[in-house]
């Protein structure tokens, strides 16, 4: 009979392969993003290539971290072959959060991004994460406000508001 984590060898190889592929893809994206301004354009805000370039740079560094971590873990995993590949609690948590994200995206068109985000954060922090009501309230209320100012006011990227759009008209008059 095979050890419980025979798949760890294949998973480490997959982690290394995907990390290298993501590093290559991020270099490709950065190469093309540099054709547009990647810095701050006075009077216009961030250049057209800023977010693709810098997000690709973050992706590159993250993939590099995964690659280094996987290379270090390969030695440790070779010694420990008794641990299960996935814990059942982990699989259940991933499924719950994935379903919640799916529902959040599905209700954005109807209720709007800010209400959907608020509901998701409340569920994730209070119900799923069992955090205190104070922490949940602070993060749940501050995050949509930050997202509004970052996307709508600073970047001038309008997000779906659904049935809440009339509530934003006074803010549009104030900022635009």
Protein backbone atom coordinates (compact mmCIF):
# COMPACT_ATOMS: atom_id res chain seq x y z
CA UNK A 1 0.00 0.00 0.00
CA UNK A 2 1.22 3.51 -0.85
CA UNK A 3 1.91 6.12 1.84
CA UNK A 4 -0.86 8.64 2.52
CA UNK A 5 0.93 11.57 0.89
CA UNK A 6 2.33 9.96 -2.26
CA UNK A 7 0.79 12.94 -4.05
CA UNK A 8 3.11 15.36 -2.21
CA UNK A 9 5.93 14.59 -4.65
CA UNK A 10 3.64 15.42 -7.56
CA UNK A 11 2.26 18.45 -5.71
CA UNK A 12 5.77 19.81 -5.09
CA UNK A 13 6.56 19.36 -8.76
CA UNK A 14 3.28 21.08 -9.67
CA UNK A 15 4.02 23.94 -7.25
CA UNK A 16 7.46 24.44 -8.79
CA UNK A 17 6.11 24.24 -12.34
CA UNK A 18 3.25 26.66 -11.74
CA UNK A 19 5.48 29.07 -9.81
CA UNK A 20 7.94 29.13 -12.72
CA UNK A 21 5.10 29.54 -15.22
CA UNK A 22 3.63 32.44 -13.23
CA UNK A 23 7.04 34.07 -13.00
CA UNK A 24 7.41 33.79 -16.77
CA UNK A 25 3.88 35.08 -17.35
CA UNK A 26 4.44 38.03 -15.02
CA UNK A 27 7.65 38.94 -16.86
CA UNK A 28 5.70 38.79 -20.13
CA UNK A 29 2.99 41.07 -18.71
CA UNK A 30 5.55 43.53 -17.33
CA UNK A 31 7.33 43.58 -20.70
CA UNK A 32 4.13 44.60 -22.48
CA UNK A 33 2.90 46.95 -19.72
CA UNK A 34 6.09 49.02 -19.99
CA UNK A 35 4.91 50.23 -23.42
CA UNK A 36 2.47 52.45 -21.49
CA UNK A 37 3.41 54.84 -18.69
CA UNK A 38 3.86 52.81 -15.50
CA UNK A 39 4.26 55.77 -13.15
CA UNK A 40 2.03 58.62 -12.06
CA UNK A 41 0.94 60.91 -14.89
CA UNK A 42 0.47 64.47 -13.56
CA UNK A 43 -3.15 65.50 -13.85
CA UNK A 44 -4.31 62.07 -15.00
CA UNK A 45 -3.30 59.70 -12.21
CA UNK A 46 -1.61 56.36 -12.75
CA UNK A 47 -0.45 55.59 -16.27
CA UNK A 48 -2.18 52.98 -18.38
CA UNK A 49 0.53 50.43 -17.68
CA UNK A 50 0.85 51.08 -13.95
CA UNK A 51 -1.52 48.47 -12.60
CA UNK A 52 -0.61 45.71 -15.06
CA UNK A 53 3.10 46.32 -14.44
CA UNK A 54 3.03 46.56 -10.67
CA UNK A 55 0.51 43.76 -10.19
CA UNK A 56 2.70 41.59 -12.41
CA UNK A 57 5.71 42.52 -10.30
CA UNK A 58 3.81 41.49 -7.17
CA UNK A 59 2.78 38.26 -8.90
CA UNK A 60 6.42 37.60 -9.79
CA UNK A 61 7.56 38.10 -6.19
CA UNK A 62 4.73 35.94 -4.87
CA UNK A 63 5.54 33.14 -7.29
CA UNK A 64 9.21 33.43 -6.33
CA UNK A 65 8.20 33.04 -2.69
CA UNK A 66 6.18 29.93 -3.55
CA UNK A 67 9.11 28.52 -5.49
CA UNK A 68 11.56 29.11 -2.62
CA UNK A 69 9.09 27.69 -0.10
CA UNK A 70 8.51 24.62 -2.24
CA UNK A 71 12.22 24.02 -2.68
CA UNK A 72 12.71 24.19 1.09
CA UNK A 73 9.66 22.01 1.80
CA UNK A 74 10.79 19.30 -0.63
CA UNK A 75 13.49 18.19 1.80
CA UNK A 76 11.13 18.20 4.79
CA UNK A 77 8.34 16.35 2.94
CA UNK A 78 10.74 13.59 1.95
CA UNK A 79 11.23 12.83 5.65
CA UNK A 80 7.56 13.01 6.69
CA UNK A 81 5.31 10.65 4.72
CA UNK A 82 2.59 10.09 7.35
CA UNK A 83 0.69 13.36 7.04
CA UNK A 84 -2.50 13.46 4.94
CA UNK A 85 -2.48 15.34 1.66
CA UNK A 86 -5.51 17.51 2.57
CA UNK A 87 -7.19 17.82 5.94
CA UNK A 88 -10.99 17.40 5.66
CA UNK A 89 -11.53 20.65 7.59
CA UNK A 90 -9.41 22.52 5.05
CA UNK A 91 -11.40 21.17 2.12
CA UNK A 92 -14.68 22.12 3.83
CA UNK A 93 -13.41 25.65 4.56
CA UNK A 94 -12.26 26.15 0.97
CA UNK A 95 -15.63 24.99 -0.35
CA UNK A 96 -17.54 27.31 2.02
CA UNK A 97 -15.45 30.35 1.13
CA UNK A 98 -15.59 29.55 -2.60
CA UNK A 99 -19.39 29.35 -2.44
CA UNK A 100 -19.52 32.64 -0.53
CA UNK A 101 -17.33 34.34 -3.14
CA UNK A 102 -19.52 32.95 -5.91
CA UNK A 103 -22.67 34.29 -4.20
CA UNK A 104 -20.97 37.66 -3.64
CA UNK A 105 -20.11 38.01 -7.31
CA UNK A 106 -23.59 36.84 -8.31
CA UNK A 107 -25.36 39.50 -6.22
CA UNK A 108 -23.12 42.39 -7.26
CA UNK A 109 -25.21 43.26 -10.30
CA UNK A 110 -28.42 43.36 -8.25
CA UNK A 111 -27.40 44.76 -4.87
CA UNK A 112 -24.25 46.51 -5.98
CA UNK A 113 -20.60 45.98 -5.27
CA UNK A 114 -20.60 47.78 -1.95
CA UNK A 115 -23.54 45.91 -0.42
CA UNK A 116 -22.22 42.58 -1.73
CA UNK A 117 -18.76 43.35 -0.32
CA UNK A 118 -20.26 44.39 3.01
CA UNK A 119 -22.31 41.17 3.25
CA UNK A 120 -19.34 38.98 2.29
CA UNK A 121 -17.04 40.63 4.81
CA UNK A 122 -19.62 40.31 7.56
CA UNK A 123 -20.13 36.63 6.79
CA UNK A 124 -16.42 35.92 6.43
CA UNK A 125 -15.33 37.73 9.57
CA UNK A 126 -18.23 37.19 11.98
CA UNK A 127 -19.88 33.94 10.90
CA UNK A 128 -17.04 32.02 9.30
CA UNK A 129 -14.08 33.51 11.18
CA UNK A 130 -15.90 34.05 14.50
CA UNK A 131 -14.18 37.40 15.06
CA UNK A 132 -15.46 39.99 17.51
CA UNK A 133 -18.36 42.23 16.57
CA UNK A 134 -16.15 45.31 16.99
CA UNK A 135 -13.50 44.08 14.53
CA UNK A 136 -16.16 42.85 12.12
CA UNK A 137 -18.01 46.18 12.20
CA UNK A 138 -14.86 48.23 11.65
CA UNK A 139 -13.57 46.18 8.70
CA UNK A 140 -17.02 45.66 7.20
CA UNK A 141 -17.77 49.38 7.17
CA UNK A 142 -14.32 50.79 6.34
CA UNK A 143 -13.50 48.47 3.43
CA UNK A 144 -16.39 49.46 1.12
CA UNK A 145 -15.70 53.14 1.82
CA UNK A 146 -12.01 52.64 0.98
CA UNK A 147 -12.93 50.70 -2.19
CA UNK A 148 -15.30 53.49 -3.24
CA UNK A 149 -12.69 56.22 -2.82
CA UNK A 150 -9.92 54.15 -4.40
CA UNK A 151 -11.80 52.99 -7.50
CA UNK A 152 -14.49 55.58 -8.09
CA UNK A 153 -12.88 58.79 -6.88
CA UNK A 154 -9.15 58.22 -7.37
CA UNK A 155 -9.11 55.96 -10.43
CA UNK A 156 -12.49 57.00 -11.85
CA UNK A 157 -13.48 53.35 -12.38
CA UNK A 158 -17.18 52.96 -11.71
CA UNK A 159 -18.20 49.71 -10.05
CA UNK A 160 -21.66 48.14 -10.35
CA UNK A 161 -24.11 49.60 -7.86
CA UNK A 162 -27.32 47.78 -8.70
CA UNK A 163 -30.36 49.07 -6.84
CA UNK A 164 -28.18 51.33 -4.66
CA UNK A 165 -27.05 53.57 -7.53
CA UNK A 166 -29.43 56.49 -6.71
CA UNK A 167 -27.76 56.71 -3.30
CA UNK A 168 -24.47 57.55 -5.01
CA UNK A 169 -25.73 60.52 -7.07
CA UNK A 170 -24.94 63.06 -4.31
CA UNK A 171 -21.44 61.64 -4.01
CA UNK A 172 -20.96 61.85 -7.78
CA UNK A 173 -21.94 65.52 -7.65
CA UNK A 174 -19.46 66.07 -4.86
CA UNK A 175 -16.46 64.33 -6.46
CA UNK A 176 -16.97 64.69 -10.22
